[in-house]
């Protein structure tokens, strides 16, 4: 209850999403990756869109090229029309 009161007082600073609080206007989404060849399961990655629409992802591609957006960030931005 206290968290909800805090959110109502500071709507500009904090966005509320089910289960998590993200300060400073960042938004986090789940994006589906490609299928794992060994297990056949789909990988899911957390994609965070911050201020100035800069995106980061938890996929391995972000460790190889940290200054270039991976395909998961690009796909999410296309879906959100950013």
Protein backbone atom coordinates (compact mmCIF):
# COMPACT_ATOMS: atom_id res chain seq x y z
CA UNK A 1 0.00 0.00 0.00
CA UNK A 2 2.83 2.38 0.82
CA UNK A 3 4.39 1.77 -2.59
CA UNK A 4 1.17 2.66 -4.38
CA UNK A 5 0.89 5.90 -2.40
CA UNK A 6 4.47 6.77 -3.33
CA UNK A 7 3.73 6.13 -6.98
CA UNK A 8 0.66 8.38 -6.96
CA UNK A 9 2.65 11.23 -5.42
CA UNK A 10 5.60 11.02 -7.84
CA UNK A 11 4.04 9.99 -11.15
CA UNK A 12 6.63 11.90 -13.18
CA UNK A 13 9.62 10.11 -11.64
CA UNK A 14 8.44 6.48 -11.47
CA UNK A 15 6.55 4.31 -13.94
CA UNK A 16 4.77 1.27 -12.51
CA UNK A 17 4.63 -2.03 -14.35
CA UNK A 18 3.15 -5.22 -12.91
CA UNK A 19 5.58 -6.58 -10.36
CA UNK A 20 8.39 -4.04 -10.76
CA UNK A 21 9.25 -0.37 -10.33
CA UNK A 22 11.52 1.33 -12.85
CA UNK A 23 12.90 4.72 -11.85
CA UNK A 24 14.03 7.48 -14.21
CA UNK A 25 11.53 6.69 -16.95
CA UNK A 26 12.99 3.36 -18.07
CA UNK A 27 10.70 0.63 -19.35
CA UNK A 28 11.52 -3.09 -19.48
CA UNK A 29 9.91 -5.60 -21.84
CA UNK A 30 10.34 -9.31 -22.57
CA UNK A 31 11.36 -10.06 -26.16
CA UNK A 32 11.47 -13.55 -27.65
CA UNK A 33 14.73 -14.61 -29.25
CA UNK A 34 15.54 -17.43 -31.60
CA UNK A 35 14.99 -21.09 -30.83
CA UNK A 36 17.71 -23.07 -29.04
CA UNK A 37 18.94 -25.80 -31.40
CA UNK A 38 19.68 -28.34 -28.65
CA UNK A 39 16.60 -28.00 -26.45
CA UNK A 40 14.12 -26.54 -28.93
CA UNK A 41 13.00 -23.86 -26.44
CA UNK A 42 12.59 -20.19 -27.27
CA UNK A 43 14.96 -17.82 -25.49
CA UNK A 44 13.50 -14.75 -23.81
CA UNK A 45 15.49 -11.60 -23.12
CA UNK A 46 14.83 -8.47 -21.06
CA UNK A 47 14.95 -5.36 -23.23
CA UNK A 48 15.16 -2.03 -21.40
CA UNK A 49 14.27 1.21 -23.16
CA UNK A 50 15.58 4.26 -21.30
CA UNK A 51 15.38 7.96 -21.81
CA UNK A 52 16.29 9.18 -25.29
CA UNK A 53 15.00 5.78 -26.58
CA UNK A 54 18.34 4.03 -26.00
CA UNK A 55 17.83 0.30 -25.70
CA UNK A 56 19.81 -2.41 -23.91
CA UNK A 57 19.24 -6.15 -23.91
CA UNK A 58 20.36 -9.17 -21.87
CA UNK A 59 21.26 -11.24 -24.95
CA UNK A 60 24.86 -12.31 -25.68
CA UNK A 61 25.04 -10.02 -28.73
CA UNK A 62 25.15 -6.96 -26.46
CA UNK A 63 28.42 -8.19 -24.93
CA UNK A 64 30.08 -8.43 -28.35
CA UNK A 65 28.82 -5.07 -29.68
CA UNK A 66 27.78 -2.90 -26.72
CA UNK A 67 27.45 0.29 -28.79
CA UNK A 68 25.19 -1.23 -31.46
CA UNK A 69 21.59 -2.27 -30.85
CA UNK A 70 20.83 -5.96 -31.18
CA UNK A 71 17.92 -7.34 -33.21
CA UNK A 72 15.73 -7.68 -30.10
CA UNK A 73 15.95 -3.93 -29.38
CA UNK A 74 15.33 -3.11 -33.04
CA UNK A 75 12.28 -5.40 -33.17
CA UNK A 76 10.83 -3.90 -29.99
CA UNK A 77 11.33 -0.34 -31.24
CA UNK A 78 9.60 -1.31 -34.49
CA UNK A 79 6.65 -2.76 -32.55
CA UNK A 80 6.40 0.35 -30.35
CA UNK A 81 6.80 2.72 -33.34
CA UNK A 82 9.78 4.51 -31.78
